[in-house]
Amino acid sequence: MKSQLIIFGILIAGFIVYNLFFQIKDDRTNTVINIMYTSILFAYISFMAYSLLKKMRK
Protein backbone atom coordinates (compact mmCIF):
# COMPACT_ATOMS: atom_id res chain seq x y z
CA MET A 1 0.00 0.00 0.00
CA LYS A 2 2.93 2.31 0.63
CA SER A 3 4.07 2.15 -2.99
CA GLN A 4 0.54 2.96 -4.19
CA LEU A 5 0.45 6.06 -2.00
CA ILE A 6 3.84 7.17 -3.33
CA ILE A 7 2.61 6.79 -6.91
CA PHE A 8 -0.55 8.72 -6.03
CA GLY A 9 1.56 11.49 -4.49
CA ILE A 10 3.65 11.68 -7.64
CA LEU A 11 0.49 11.92 -9.77
CA ILE A 12 -0.86 14.74 -7.58
CA ALA A 13 2.48 16.57 -7.71
CA GLY A 14 2.52 16.19 -11.51
CA PHE A 15 -0.97 17.66 -11.72
CA ILE A 16 0.01 20.65 -9.60
CA VAL A 17 3.25 21.23 -11.53
CA TYR A 18 1.40 21.05 -14.85
CA ASN A 19 -1.17 23.60 -13.74
CA LEU A 20 1.44 25.97 -12.34
CA PHE A 21 4.13 25.84 -15.03
CA PHE A 22 3.17 23.92 -18.17
CA GLN A 23 -0.33 25.08 -19.04
CA ILE A 24 -1.20 25.28 -22.69
CA LYS A 25 -2.34 28.71 -23.85
CA ASP A 26 -5.44 27.35 -25.60
CA ASP A 27 -8.14 27.18 -22.92
CA ARG A 28 -10.08 24.40 -24.61
CA THR A 29 -7.08 22.09 -24.92
CA ASN A 30 -5.95 22.90 -21.40
CA THR A 31 -9.40 21.99 -20.06
CA VAL A 32 -9.36 18.67 -21.93
CA ILE A 33 -5.92 17.82 -20.52
CA ASN A 34 -7.05 18.73 -16.98
CA ILE A 35 -10.18 16.57 -17.31
CA MET A 36 -8.15 13.61 -18.60
CA TYR A 37 -5.55 13.94 -15.83
CA THR A 38 -8.28 14.20 -13.20
CA SER A 39 -9.97 11.11 -14.63
CA ILE A 40 -6.69 9.21 -14.28
CA LEU A 41 -6.41 10.38 -10.67
CA PHE A 42 -9.94 9.21 -9.83
CA ALA A 43 -9.33 5.89 -11.58
CA TYR A 44 -6.20 5.39 -9.49
CA ILE A 45 -8.13 6.21 -6.31
CA SER A 46 -10.66 3.57 -7.33
CA PHE A 47 -7.89 1.07 -7.94
CA MET A 48 -6.38 1.77 -4.51
CA ALA A 49 -9.77 1.34 -2.82
CA TYR A 50 -10.41 -1.91 -4.69
CA SER A 51 -7.02 -3.34 -3.76
CA LEU A 52 -7.50 -2.29 -0.12
CA LEU A 53 -10.90 -3.98 0.03
CA LYS A 54 -9.42 -7.07 -1.59
CA LYS A 55 -6.67 -7.19 1.08
CA MET A 56 -9.19 -6.70 3.89
CA ARG A 57 -11.26 -9.58 2.59
CA LYS A 58 -8.41 -12.06 2.98
C-alpha atoms as a PDB file:
ATOM      1  CA  MET A   1       0.000   0.000   0.000  1.00  0.00           C
ATOM      2  CA  LYS A   2       2.928   2.314   0.634  1.00  0.00           C
ATOM      3  CA  SER A   3       4.071   2.149  -2.995  1.00  0.00           C
ATOM      4  CA  GLN A   4       0.540   2.962  -4.185  1.00  0.00           C
ATOM      5  CA  LEU A   5       0.450   6.060  -1.996  1.00  0.00           C
ATOM      6  CA  ILE A   6       3.841   7.167  -3.325  1.00  0.00           C
ATOM      7  CA  ILE A   7       2.613   6.788  -6.908  1.00  0.00           C
ATOM      8  CA  PHE A   8      -0.553   8.716  -6.027  1.00  0.00           C
ATOM      9  CA  GLY A   9       1.560  11.493  -4.488  1.00  0.00           C
ATOM     10  CA  ILE A  10       3.651  11.679  -7.644  1.00  0.00           C
ATOM     11  CA  LEU A  11       0.493  11.920  -9.772  1.00  0.00           C
ATOM     12  CA  ILE A  12      -0.862  14.739  -7.585  1.00  0.00           C
ATOM     13  CA  ALA A  13       2.485  16.568  -7.714  1.00  0.00           C
ATOM     14  CA  GLY A  14       2.520  16.188 -11.505  1.00  0.00           C
ATOM     15  CA  PHE A  15      -0.969  17.659 -11.719  1.00  0.00           C
ATOM     16  CA  ILE A  16       0.011  20.647  -9.597  1.00  0.00           C
ATOM     17  CA  VAL A  17       3.247  21.226 -11.528  1.00  0.00           C
ATOM     18  CA  TYR A  18       1.405  21.050 -14.848  1.00  0.00           C
ATOM     19  CA  ASN A  19      -1.170  23.596 -13.740  1.00  0.00           C
ATOM     20  CA  LEU A  20       1.437  25.967 -12.340  1.00  0.00           C
ATOM     21  CA  PHE A  21       4.131  25.838 -15.026  1.00  0.00           C
ATOM     22  CA  PHE A  22       3.172  23.917 -18.175  1.00  0.00           C
ATOM     23  CA  GLN A  23      -0.325  25.080 -19.036  1.00  0.00           C
ATOM     24  CA  ILE A  24      -1.200  25.283 -22.694  1.00  0.00           C
ATOM     25  CA  LYS A  25      -2.341  28.710 -23.851  1.00  0.00           C
ATOM     26  CA  ASP A  26      -5.444  27.347 -25.601  1.00  0.00           C
ATOM     27  CA  ASP A  27      -8.139  27.183 -22.919  1.00  0.00           C
ATOM     28  CA  ARG A  28     -10.079  24.404 -24.612  1.00  0.00           C
ATOM     29  CA  THR A  29      -7.080  22.085 -24.919  1.00  0.00           C
ATOM     30  CA  ASN A  30      -5.950  22.901 -21.395  1.00  0.00           C
ATOM     31  CA  THR A  31      -9.396  21.993 -20.059  1.00  0.00           C
ATOM     32  CA  VAL A  32      -9.359  18.674 -21.929  1.00  0.00           C
ATOM     33  CA  ILE A  33      -5.925  17.817 -20.516  1.00  0.00           C
ATOM     34  CA  ASN A  34      -7.049  18.726 -16.984  1.00  0.00           C
ATOM     35  CA  ILE A  35     -10.175  16.571 -17.312  1.00  0.00           C
ATOM     36  CA  MET A  36      -8.149  13.609 -18.603  1.00  0.00           C
ATOM     37  CA  TYR A  37      -5.552  13.945 -15.835  1.00  0.00           C
ATOM     38  CA  THR A  38      -8.277  14.200 -13.203  1.00  0.00           C
ATOM     39  CA  SER A  39      -9.968  11.112 -14.631  1.00  0.00           C
ATOM     40  CA  ILE A  40      -6.693   9.207 -14.283  1.00  0.00           C
ATOM     41  CA  LEU A  41      -6.409  10.379 -10.668  1.00  0.00           C
ATOM     42  CA  PHE A  42      -9.936   9.210  -9.831  1.00  0.00           C
ATOM     43  CA  ALA A  43      -9.326   5.889 -11.577  1.00  0.00           C
ATOM     44  CA  TYR A  44      -6.197   5.392  -9.493  1.00  0.00           C
ATOM     45  CA  ILE A  45      -8.134   6.211  -6.312  1.00  0.00           C
ATOM     46  CA  SER A  46     -10.664   3.567  -7.331  1.00  0.00           C
ATOM     47  CA  PHE A  47      -7.890   1.066  -7.936  1.00  0.00           C
ATOM     48  CA  MET A  48      -6.383   1.769  -4.509  1.00  0.00           C
ATOM     49  CA  ALA A  49      -9.771   1.341  -2.821  1.00  0.00           C
ATOM     50  CA  TYR A  50     -10.411  -1.914  -4.693  1.00  0.00           C
ATOM     51  CA  SER A  51      -7.019  -3.340  -3.761  1.00  0.00           C
ATOM     52  CA  LEU A  52      -7.502  -2.289  -0.119  1.00  0.00           C
ATOM     53  CA  LEU A  53     -10.898  -3.981   0.031  1.00  0.00           C
ATOM     54  CA  LYS A  54      -9.419  -7.071  -1.589  1.00  0.00           C
ATOM     55  CA  LYS A  55      -6.672  -7.192   1.078  1.00  0.00           C
ATOM     56  CA  MET A  56      -9.188  -6.701   3.893  1.00  0.00           C
ATOM     57  CA  ARG A  57     -11.262  -9.577   2.585  1.00  0.00           C
ATOM     58  CA  LYS A  58      -8.408 -12.065   2.976  1.00  0.00           C
END
